[in-house]
Amino acid sequence: MSSSNPSQTEPSETPAPVNLHRRLWLLAWPMMLSNITVPLLGLVDTAVLGHLEESKYLAGVALGTTLFTSVFWLFGFLRMGTCGMTAQAVGSQNTPRILQLLLSSGWLAVFIGLLLVLLSPLWMPLGLSLLAGNDATSNHEIYLQATLYAQWRILGAPFVLLNYAIIGWFVGRQNTKIPLYMLVVANLINILLDLILVIGFGMNVEGVALATLSADISATLLGGTFILYHYRDEFQKIHRWLPHLKTLKEMVFINRYIFVRTGTLLFTFALFTAQGARIGEETLAANAVLLTFLLLISNALDGFAHGAEALVGEACGQKNHGKVVNVIRVCLIWSAISALILTLAFFLGGSLLISWLTDLSHIRALANQYLPWLAAMPLIGVWCYTYDGVFIGSTKVQAMQNIMLVSTFLIFLPLIGFSQYLGLNQYFGFSQSEQWQNHGLWLAMSAFIAARSLGMALCSRHYSKHRQWFS
């Protein structure tokens, strides 16, 4: 199937060509590699601060990092929306629109980032207080270190959000190597400055924050340099560098659905963590270990989701229904193979991985009790990760939002209530113990992810059957 003939429409029964498998892998592997480097940065921060004499520095940075990860993730639509719309513009070979999308998403990212900085005296203390809970009053020193970290970290908001837009634009243009370069260089700068500022100059929390800020700025400069170098001929034809109003309105319209979807997802994981803390400190620690593995799973499988975003978007831009169906089929095949490998790896080596993350024997034992839930998660969640990419590439984001809302409020929350408050233990004759309460939490999380997978699969089948992917 040649992408050079946009007008050609192929039947959905046409087998996927070999080069489509190759194109998917060329797009997926750099994003897999770059995604896996993200947890590495947190490990380096932890290792550097963990060797200092006082634990308040590590606790303060952990608190601040949690806040900014959640806030910045809320604006992940700057990557996802930009990627899907750019991929469709690439498919329709609309070069002016491709450039308009970059400028519009870039200006939107800077505006939101500056707004976060200006309003930071209002929302940062509130956010840190909510996350710290009792620590905000009983351990004022940790809260103080978190505040010190946040005062430097917030200055990077425009750069972080601009990086989202740049990465989404490159992925939409089917160039995933440049995002890889951006993330690898940023991580290396962060690690180097961590060592110099914290260990060399004894700057502690300020050193970690400045290292992260410098890394964010470096990634933006590197991405901007690649844009001006590789696409300088295209940008020379631009008469105005302000956002295109119609494109900006369309971007805001599409991104509002992604914003609601992401906020709902954050709420789900926050409630899961809070309920684990309510059960007990040891349960919270064991769940934290397993959630680290869940992050690795999602980062690995998201590589195919990024490939789906680019290739499905291209096919939708070409109005080629058969190609859309073939891309979805190829993405699902490779995602399922990868998920099966991950599931086998966690079933066979999960206990060893847990022992690497914690030396506490009782936390190891507790985490191993719930490991089967985590080991099954790749096979449960692979469909929802892949279909996220499909729906973003086709900009069917309203359906993606609605499925997230249904999965959260009609599946996850009722199961949380049933297992934690309405007597699931007594109903099945289980003893009233922390163990069974936490099994209820993992049941709710697994059902939530499965519901998202099933909902998007059924919706995808409907769009394919009725040829509605680019209606």
Protein backbone atom coordinates (compact mmCIF):
# COMPACT_ATOMS: atom_id res chain seq x y z
CA MET A 1 0.00 0.00 0.00
CA SER A 2 1.69 3.17 -1.10
CA SER A 3 1.24 6.30 0.96
CA SER A 4 1.95 8.38 -2.12
CA ASN A 5 -1.57 7.84 -3.44
CA PRO A 6 -3.93 9.45 -0.93
CA SER A 7 -7.00 9.00 -3.07
CA GLN A 8 -6.75 5.24 -3.13
CA THR A 9 -9.18 3.44 -0.78
CA GLU A 10 -8.48 -0.20 -0.06
CA PRO A 11 -10.87 -2.76 1.40
CA SER A 12 -10.44 -3.66 5.04
CA GLU A 13 -9.84 -7.30 4.09
CA THR A 14 -6.55 -6.45 2.36
CA PRO A 15 -3.65 -8.02 4.31
CA ALA A 16 -1.30 -5.52 5.93
CA PRO A 17 1.86 -5.10 3.82
CA VAL A 18 5.22 -6.05 5.28
CA ASN A 19 6.49 -2.47 5.09
CA LEU A 20 3.71 -1.39 7.48
CA HIS A 21 5.16 -3.69 10.15
CA ARG A 22 8.58 -2.18 9.48
CA ARG A 23 7.25 1.40 9.62
CA LEU A 24 5.56 0.70 12.96
CA TRP A 25 8.77 -0.63 14.47
CA LEU A 26 10.81 2.30 13.14
CA LEU A 27 8.41 4.63 14.91
CA ALA A 28 7.96 2.54 18.07
CA TRP A 29 11.49 1.62 19.15
CA PRO A 30 12.83 5.17 19.70
CA MET A 31 9.75 6.04 21.78
CA MET A 32 10.09 2.82 23.80
CA LEU A 33 13.72 3.63 24.51
CA SER A 34 13.01 7.26 25.40
CA ASN A 35 10.07 6.26 27.63
CA ILE A 36 12.21 3.80 29.54
CA THR A 37 14.77 6.57 30.27
CA VAL A 38 12.12 8.58 32.15
CA PRO A 39 12.06 6.38 35.31
CA LEU A 40 15.88 6.39 35.22
CA LEU A 41 15.88 10.08 36.06
CA GLY A 42 13.82 9.54 39.20
CA LEU A 43 16.15 6.75 40.27
CA VAL A 44 19.18 9.05 39.91
CA ASP A 45 17.52 11.81 41.95
CA THR A 46 16.66 9.24 44.61
CA ALA A 47 20.18 7.80 44.64
CA VAL A 48 21.86 11.22 44.93
CA LEU A 49 19.60 12.53 47.70
CA GLY A 50 19.35 9.13 49.38
CA HIS A 51 23.04 9.26 50.25
CA LEU A 52 22.75 12.55 52.11
CA GLU A 53 22.75 12.51 55.91
CA GLU A 54 19.15 13.69 56.37
CA SER A 55 16.07 12.10 54.78
CA LYS A 56 14.15 15.41 54.64
CA TYR A 57 15.77 16.28 51.30
CA LEU A 58 14.65 13.05 49.63
CA ALA A 59 11.15 13.33 51.11
CA GLY A 60 10.83 16.98 50.07
CA VAL A 61 11.85 16.30 46.46
CA ALA A 62 9.54 13.27 46.30
CA LEU A 63 6.64 15.47 47.42
CA GLY A 64 7.47 18.22 44.93
CA THR A 65 8.04 15.80 42.07
CA THR A 66 4.65 14.17 42.66
CA LEU A 67 2.96 17.58 42.47
CA PHE A 68 4.61 18.64 39.22
CA THR A 69 4.22 15.26 37.56
CA SER A 70 0.47 15.42 38.19
CA VAL A 71 0.08 19.07 37.12
CA PHE A 72 2.16 18.76 33.96
CA TRP A 73 0.48 15.48 33.03
CA LEU A 74 -2.86 17.31 33.03
CA PHE A 75 -1.61 19.22 30.01
CA GLY A 76 -0.45 16.14 28.14
CA PHE A 77 -3.00 17.06 25.49
CA LEU A 78 -0.35 19.41 24.11
CA ARG A 79 1.51 16.30 22.95
CA MET A 80 -1.42 14.03 22.11
CA GLY A 81 -3.62 16.55 20.33
CA THR A 82 -0.71 18.02 18.40
CA CYS A 83 0.41 14.55 17.31
CA GLY A 84 -2.97 13.40 16.00
CA MET A 85 -3.74 16.60 14.10
CA THR A 86 -0.22 16.81 12.66
CA ALA A 87 -0.34 13.18 11.51
CA GLN A 88 -3.56 13.86 9.63
CA ALA A 89 -2.05 16.97 8.03
CA VAL A 90 0.93 14.85 6.96
CA GLY A 91 -1.44 12.31 5.41
CA SER A 92 -3.24 15.02 3.44
CA GLN A 93 0.14 16.59 2.49
CA ASN A 94 -0.99 19.96 3.84
CA THR A 95 2.35 21.60 4.67
CA PRO A 96 0.93 25.01 5.71
CA ARG A 97 -1.35 23.30 8.24
CA ILE A 98 1.55 21.24 9.60
CA LEU A 99 3.42 24.45 10.40
CA GLN A 100 0.30 26.15 11.76
CA LEU A 101 -0.21 23.27 14.17
CA LEU A 102 3.32 23.61 15.54
CA LEU A 103 2.98 27.36 16.01
CA SER A 104 -0.50 27.10 17.55
CA SER A 105 0.44 24.32 19.99
CA GLY A 106 3.71 26.07 20.82
CA TRP A 107 2.04 29.38 21.66
CA LEU A 108 -0.65 27.55 23.65
CA ALA A 109 2.04 25.70 25.63
CA VAL A 110 3.90 28.93 26.44
CA PHE A 111 0.67 30.67 27.48
CA ILE A 112 -0.37 27.85 29.82
CA GLY A 113 3.17 27.54 31.20
CA LEU A 114 3.42 31.26 31.99
CA LEU A 115 -0.05 31.15 33.55
CA LEU A 116 1.08 28.31 35.83
CA VAL A 117 4.11 30.39 36.87
CA LEU A 118 2.07 33.54 37.55
CA LEU A 119 -0.55 31.65 39.57
CA SER A 120 1.96 29.44 41.40
CA PRO A 121 1.69 31.39 44.72
CA LEU A 122 -1.95 30.28 44.79
CA TRP A 123 -1.91 26.65 43.66
CA MET A 124 1.53 25.36 44.76
CA PRO A 125 1.04 25.74 48.54
CA LEU A 126 -2.43 24.21 48.25
CA GLY A 127 -1.15 21.28 46.17
CA LEU A 128 1.77 20.57 48.49
CA SER A 129 -0.51 20.74 51.55
CA LEU A 130 -2.96 18.26 50.02
CA LEU A 131 -0.16 15.85 49.12
CA ALA A 132 1.66 16.21 52.42
CA GLY A 133 -1.45 15.68 54.53
CA ASN A 134 -0.44 15.63 58.16
CA ASP A 135 3.20 16.10 57.20
CA ALA A 136 2.48 19.72 56.33
CA THR A 137 2.01 20.42 60.05
CA SER A 138 3.72 17.58 61.93
CA ASN A 139 6.90 17.62 59.83
CA HIS A 140 7.26 21.19 58.68
CA GLU A 141 10.83 20.64 57.50
CA ILE A 142 9.78 18.23 54.71
CA TYR A 143 7.10 20.68 53.56
CA LEU A 144 9.71 23.47 53.59
CA GLN A 145 12.10 21.45 51.41
CA ALA A 146 9.27 20.63 48.99
CA THR A 147 8.40 24.33 48.77
CA LEU A 148 12.03 25.22 48.08
CA TYR A 149 12.13 22.63 45.30
CA ALA A 150 8.84 23.88 43.83
CA GLN A 151 9.98 27.51 43.71
CA TRP A 152 12.72 26.58 41.25
CA ARG A 153 10.89 23.78 39.45
CA ILE A 154 7.90 25.95 38.47
CA LEU A 155 10.16 28.16 36.33
CA GLY A 156 10.46 25.26 33.90
CA ALA A 157 6.69 25.02 33.25
CA PRO A 158 6.74 26.84 29.86
CA PHE A 159 9.65 24.68 28.70
CA VAL A 160 8.09 21.39 29.85
CA LEU A 161 4.81 22.14 28.07
CA LEU A 162 6.61 23.42 24.97
CA ASN A 163 8.53 20.13 24.90
CA TYR A 164 5.19 18.28 24.91
CA ALA A 165 4.11 20.24 21.82
CA ILE A 166 7.43 19.73 20.03
CA ILE A 167 7.53 15.98 20.73
CA GLY A 168 3.92 15.55 19.60
CA TRP A 169 4.66 17.46 16.41
CA PHE A 170 7.68 15.31 15.59
CA VAL A 171 5.83 12.07 16.30
CA GLY A 172 2.98 13.26 14.09
CA ARG A 173 5.55 13.85 11.36
CA GLN A 174 6.72 10.26 11.91
CA ASN A 175 10.08 11.34 13.26
CA THR A 176 10.52 9.67 16.65
CA LYS A 177 14.31 9.79 16.75
CA ILE A 178 14.45 13.51 17.53
CA PRO A 179 12.22 13.11 20.63
CA LEU A 180 14.60 10.32 21.66
CA TYR A 181 17.59 12.66 21.28
CA MET A 182 15.77 15.39 23.24
CA LEU A 183 14.96 13.11 26.18
CA VAL A 184 18.34 11.37 26.29
CA VAL A 185 20.27 14.67 26.21
CA ALA A 186 17.96 16.18 28.85
CA ASN A 187 18.40 13.16 31.13
CA LEU A 188 22.18 13.19 30.74
CA ILE A 189 22.32 16.91 31.58
CA ASN A 190 20.07 16.32 34.58
CA ILE A 191 22.22 13.47 35.89
CA LEU A 192 25.46 15.41 35.36
CA LEU A 193 24.14 18.53 37.10
CA ASP A 194 22.69 16.41 39.92
CA LEU A 195 26.18 15.14 40.66
CA ILE A 196 27.85 18.55 40.30
CA LEU A 197 25.33 20.69 42.17
CA VAL A 198 24.25 18.28 44.91
CA ILE A 199 27.41 16.32 45.62
CA GLY A 200 29.96 18.87 44.37
CA PHE A 201 28.45 22.12 45.67
CA GLY A 202 26.16 20.75 48.39
CA MET A 203 23.05 22.50 47.06
CA ASN A 204 20.75 19.58 48.02
CA VAL A 205 17.14 20.28 47.03
CA GLU A 206 17.98 23.44 45.09
CA GLY A 207 20.60 21.50 43.14
CA VAL A 208 18.09 18.83 42.06
CA ALA A 209 15.55 21.47 41.05
CA LEU A 210 18.10 23.50 39.06
CA ALA A 211 19.34 20.34 37.34
CA THR A 212 15.81 19.45 36.25
CA LEU A 213 15.12 23.04 35.14
CA SER A 214 18.32 23.10 33.08
CA ALA A 215 17.42 19.77 31.48
CA ASP A 216 13.97 21.05 30.48
CA ILE A 217 15.45 24.19 28.92
CA SER A 218 18.11 22.13 27.09
CA ALA A 219 15.47 19.82 25.61
CA THR A 220 13.48 22.81 24.32
CA LEU A 221 16.57 24.40 22.75
CA LEU A 222 17.60 21.12 21.15
CA GLY A 223 14.10 20.50 19.77
CA GLY A 224 13.89 24.05 18.42
CA THR A 225 17.30 23.66 16.79
CA PHE A 226 16.21 20.46 15.04
CA ILE A 227 13.03 22.17 13.81
CA LEU A 228 14.86 25.18 12.36
CA TYR A 229 17.57 22.98 10.83
CA HIS A 230 15.47 20.24 9.23
CA TYR A 231 12.48 22.37 8.24
CA ARG A 232 14.10 25.76 7.64
CA ASP A 233 12.95 25.84 4.01
CA GLU A 234 9.34 25.39 5.09
CA PHE A 235 9.56 28.01 7.81
CA GLN A 236 11.13 30.57 5.49
CA LYS A 237 7.77 30.71 3.70
CA ILE A 238 5.93 31.74 6.89
CA HIS A 239 4.98 35.41 6.88
CA ARG A 240 3.74 35.48 10.48
CA TRP A 241 4.85 33.50 13.50
CA LEU A 242 1.64 34.07 15.44
CA PRO A 243 -0.82 31.19 15.88
CA HIS A 244 -3.46 30.62 13.22
CA LEU A 245 -6.75 31.51 14.96
CA LYS A 246 -8.88 28.83 13.27
CA THR A 247 -6.28 26.13 13.94
CA LEU A 248 -5.94 27.27 17.55
CA LYS A 249 -9.71 27.09 18.10
CA GLU A 250 -9.82 23.59 16.61
CA MET A 251 -6.91 22.52 18.80
CA VAL A 252 -8.60 23.84 21.96
CA PHE A 253 -11.86 22.13 20.97
CA ILE A 254 -10.15 18.74 20.52
CA ASN A 255 -7.84 19.06 23.49
CA ARG A 256 -10.62 19.74 25.99
CA TYR A 257 -11.69 16.11 25.70
CA ILE A 258 -8.12 14.89 26.28
CA PHE A 259 -7.85 17.22 29.30
CA VAL A 260 -10.97 15.73 30.93
CA ARG A 261 -9.80 12.21 30.09
CA THR A 262 -6.35 12.80 31.63
CA GLY A 263 -7.78 14.48 34.73
CA THR A 264 -10.08 11.50 35.27
CA LEU A 265 -7.16 9.09 34.90
CA LEU A 266 -5.14 11.07 37.47
CA PHE A 267 -8.11 10.98 39.85
CA THR A 268 -8.31 7.19 39.51
CA PHE A 269 -4.66 6.60 40.37
CA ALA A 270 -4.76 9.16 43.20
CA LEU A 271 -7.78 7.40 44.73
CA PHE A 272 -6.05 4.02 44.35
CA THR A 273 -2.99 5.37 46.21
CA ALA A 274 -5.10 7.07 48.88
CA GLN A 275 -7.09 3.90 49.56
CA GLY A 276 -3.85 1.93 49.84
CA ALA A 277 -2.60 4.44 52.43
CA ARG A 278 -5.90 4.10 54.30
CA ILE A 279 -5.41 0.33 54.56
CA GLY A 280 -1.95 0.71 56.04
CA GLU A 281 1.57 2.04 55.61
CA GLU A 282 2.98 -1.33 54.55
CA THR A 283 0.22 -1.79 51.95
CA LEU A 284 0.97 1.69 50.58
CA ALA A 285 4.66 0.80 50.24
CA ALA A 286 3.95 -2.54 48.55
CA ASN A 287 1.54 -0.91 46.09
CA ALA A 288 4.13 1.79 45.33
CA VAL A 289 6.62 -0.91 44.31
CA LEU A 290 4.07 -2.57 42.00
CA LEU A 291 2.94 0.77 40.53
CA THR A 292 6.57 1.37 39.56
CA PHE A 293 6.35 -1.77 37.43
CA LEU A 294 3.01 -0.61 36.00
CA LEU A 295 4.73 2.61 34.91
CA LEU A 296 7.41 0.56 33.14
CA ILE A 297 4.71 -1.54 31.43
CA SER A 298 2.83 1.50 30.16
CA ASN A 299 6.05 3.18 29.01
CA ALA A 300 7.09 0.09 27.06
CA LEU A 301 3.72 -0.53 25.40
CA ASP A 302 3.23 3.18 24.68
CA GLY A 303 5.84 2.86 21.95
CA PHE A 304 3.28 1.11 19.75
CA ALA A 305 0.65 3.64 20.80
CA HIS A 306 2.88 6.44 19.50
CA GLY A 307 3.32 4.52 16.26
CA ALA A 308 -0.45 4.12 16.02
CA GLU A 309 -0.94 7.86 16.52
CA ALA A 310 1.32 8.69 13.58
CA LEU A 311 0.20 5.96 11.15
CA VAL A 312 -3.54 6.10 11.90
CA GLY A 313 -3.43 9.89 11.65
CA GLU A 314 -1.66 9.66 8.29
CA ALA A 315 -4.25 7.18 6.99
CA CYS A 316 -7.13 9.38 8.19
CA GLY A 317 -5.54 12.37 6.49
CA GLN A 318 -5.44 10.33 3.27
CA LYS A 319 -9.11 9.30 3.74
CA ASN A 320 -7.92 5.71 3.32
CA HIS A 321 -10.22 3.48 5.37
CA GLY A 322 -8.51 0.24 4.44
CA LYS A 323 -5.17 1.59 5.57
CA VAL A 324 -6.63 2.68 8.92
CA VAL A 325 -7.91 -0.85 9.54
CA ASN A 326 -4.59 -2.40 8.53
CA VAL A 327 -2.62 -0.07 10.80
CA ILE A 328 -4.86 -0.93 13.76
CA ARG A 329 -4.44 -4.65 13.06
CA VAL A 330 -0.65 -4.43 12.86
CA CYS A 331 -0.42 -2.33 16.03
CA LEU A 332 -2.60 -4.77 17.95
CA ILE A 333 -0.55 -7.76 16.80
CA TRP A 334 2.79 -6.34 17.95
CA SER A 335 1.31 -4.88 21.14
CA ALA A 336 -0.16 -8.28 22.06
CA ILE A 337 3.17 -10.05 21.44
CA SER A 338 5.00 -7.50 23.60
CA ALA A 339 2.37 -7.75 26.34
CA LEU A 340 2.69 -11.54 26.43
CA ILE A 341 6.46 -11.24 26.81
CA LEU A 342 6.06 -8.73 29.65
CA THR A 343 3.51 -10.93 31.43
CA LEU A 344 5.83 -13.94 31.25
CA ALA A 345 8.73 -11.80 32.48
CA PHE A 346 6.79 -10.61 35.54
CA PHE A 347 5.44 -14.08 36.35
CA LEU A 348 8.92 -15.60 36.15
CA GLY A 349 11.09 -12.76 37.45
CA GLY A 350 8.74 -10.45 39.35
CA SER A 351 9.96 -11.55 42.76
CA LEU A 352 13.55 -10.80 41.78
CA LEU A 353 12.56 -7.34 40.54
CA ILE A 354 10.76 -6.63 43.81
CA SER A 355 13.89 -7.60 45.76
CA TRP A 356 15.88 -5.07 43.72
CA LEU A 357 13.55 -2.23 44.70
CA THR A 358 13.31 -2.87 48.43
CA ASP A 359 15.42 -4.53 51.13
CA LEU A 360 12.52 -4.69 53.59
CA SER A 361 11.47 -8.34 53.89
CA HIS A 362 7.89 -7.63 55.00
CA ILE A 363 7.34 -5.24 52.06
CA ARG A 364 8.79 -7.83 49.68
CA ALA A 365 6.45 -10.50 51.03
CA LEU A 366 3.44 -8.21 50.78
CA ALA A 367 4.27 -7.09 47.24
CA ASN A 368 4.66 -10.72 46.14
CA GLN A 369 1.12 -11.47 47.36
CA TYR A 370 -0.28 -8.97 44.84
CA LEU A 371 2.26 -9.64 42.07
CA PRO A 372 -0.16 -11.85 40.02
CA TRP A 373 -2.41 -8.81 39.52
CA LEU A 374 0.54 -6.83 38.19
CA ALA A 375 1.82 -9.70 36.05
CA ALA A 376 -1.56 -9.99 34.31
CA MET A 377 -1.75 -6.24 33.73
CA PRO A 378 0.13 -6.15 30.38
CA LEU A 379 -2.43 -8.51 28.79
CA ILE A 380 -5.31 -6.59 30.38
CA GLY A 381 -4.03 -3.12 29.56
CA VAL A 382 -2.31 -3.59 26.21
CA TRP A 383 -5.53 -2.95 24.31
CA CYS A 384 -6.29 0.30 26.10
CA TYR A 385 -2.74 1.62 25.53
CA THR A 386 -2.84 0.77 21.82
CA TYR A 387 -6.36 2.06 21.29
CA ASP A 388 -5.39 5.31 23.01
CA GLY A 389 -2.93 5.81 20.15
CA VAL A 390 -5.55 4.86 17.56
CA PHE A 391 -8.14 7.28 18.94
CA ILE A 392 -5.60 10.11 19.29
CA GLY A 393 -4.37 9.61 15.72
CA SER A 394 -7.91 9.66 14.38
CA THR A 395 -8.84 12.52 16.80
CA LYS A 396 -11.79 10.45 18.08
CA VAL A 397 -10.94 11.90 21.47
CA GLN A 398 -14.50 12.58 22.62
CA ALA A 399 -15.20 8.84 22.50
CA MET A 400 -11.94 8.20 24.37
CA GLN A 401 -13.02 10.68 27.06
CA ASN A 402 -16.48 9.15 27.41
CA ILE A 403 -15.10 5.63 27.75
CA MET A 404 -12.72 6.87 30.47
CA LEU A 405 -15.61 8.49 32.38
CA VAL A 406 -17.76 5.34 32.17
CA SER A 407 -14.85 3.11 33.24
CA THR A 408 -14.09 5.35 36.22
CA PHE A 409 -17.54 6.17 37.56
CA LEU A 410 -19.45 3.00 36.63
CA ILE A 411 -16.70 0.39 37.11
CA PHE A 412 -13.80 1.63 39.25
CA LEU A 413 -15.65 3.64 41.89
CA PRO A 414 -18.40 1.03 42.54
CA LEU A 415 -15.80 -1.71 42.92
CA ILE A 416 -13.75 0.48 45.28
CA GLY A 417 -16.85 1.11 47.38
CA PHE A 418 -17.92 -2.55 47.33
CA SER A 419 -14.49 -3.89 48.27
CA GLN A 420 -13.55 -1.26 50.85
CA TYR A 421 -16.80 -0.13 52.43
CA LEU A 422 -19.73 -2.39 51.56
CA GLY A 423 -18.39 -5.69 52.81
CA LEU A 424 -16.89 -7.59 49.86
CA ASN A 425 -14.89 -9.60 52.41
CA GLN A 426 -17.92 -10.75 54.37
CA TYR A 427 -19.93 -11.35 51.19
CA PHE A 428 -17.41 -13.90 49.95
CA GLY A 429 -16.62 -15.22 53.40
CA PHE A 430 -13.13 -13.72 53.52
CA SER A 431 -11.61 -12.59 56.77
CA GLN A 432 -11.68 -8.85 57.44
CA SER A 433 -8.00 -8.20 56.73
CA GLU A 434 -5.79 -5.67 55.00
CA GLN A 435 -4.78 -8.39 52.53
CA TRP A 436 -8.27 -8.85 51.13
CA GLN A 437 -8.96 -5.13 51.12
CA ASN A 438 -5.92 -4.57 48.91
CA HIS A 439 -6.93 -7.43 46.61
CA GLY A 440 -10.15 -5.46 46.20
CA LEU A 441 -8.14 -2.40 45.17
CA TRP A 442 -6.23 -4.34 42.51
CA LEU A 443 -9.48 -5.92 41.32
CA ALA A 444 -10.94 -2.43 40.86
CA MET A 445 -7.84 -1.21 39.00
CA SER A 446 -7.77 -4.28 36.73
CA ALA A 447 -11.49 -3.97 35.97
CA PHE A 448 -11.04 -0.25 35.24
CA ILE A 449 -8.29 -0.90 32.70
CA ALA A 450 -10.20 -3.85 31.20
CA ALA A 451 -13.31 -1.68 30.81
CA ARG A 452 -11.33 0.95 28.95
CA SER A 453 -9.86 -1.73 26.68
CA LEU A 454 -13.25 -3.30 25.96
CA GLY A 455 -14.99 0.03 25.44
CA MET A 456 -12.45 1.29 22.92
CA ALA A 457 -12.31 -2.10 21.16
CA LEU A 458 -16.08 -2.07 20.63
CA CYS A 459 -16.00 1.55 19.53
CA SER A 460 -13.13 0.81 17.14
CA ARG A 461 -15.04 -2.10 15.65
CA HIS A 462 -18.06 0.16 15.09
CA TYR A 463 -15.95 2.82 13.35
CA SER A 464 -14.29 0.19 11.15
CA LYS A 465 -17.54 -1.54 10.24
CA HIS A 466 -19.31 1.70 9.34
CA ARG A 467 -16.23 3.39 7.83
CA GLN A 468 -16.40 6.30 10.26
CA TRP A 469 -12.76 6.79 11.21
CA PHE A 470 -12.47 10.12 9.43
CA SER A 471 -16.09 11.20 9.29
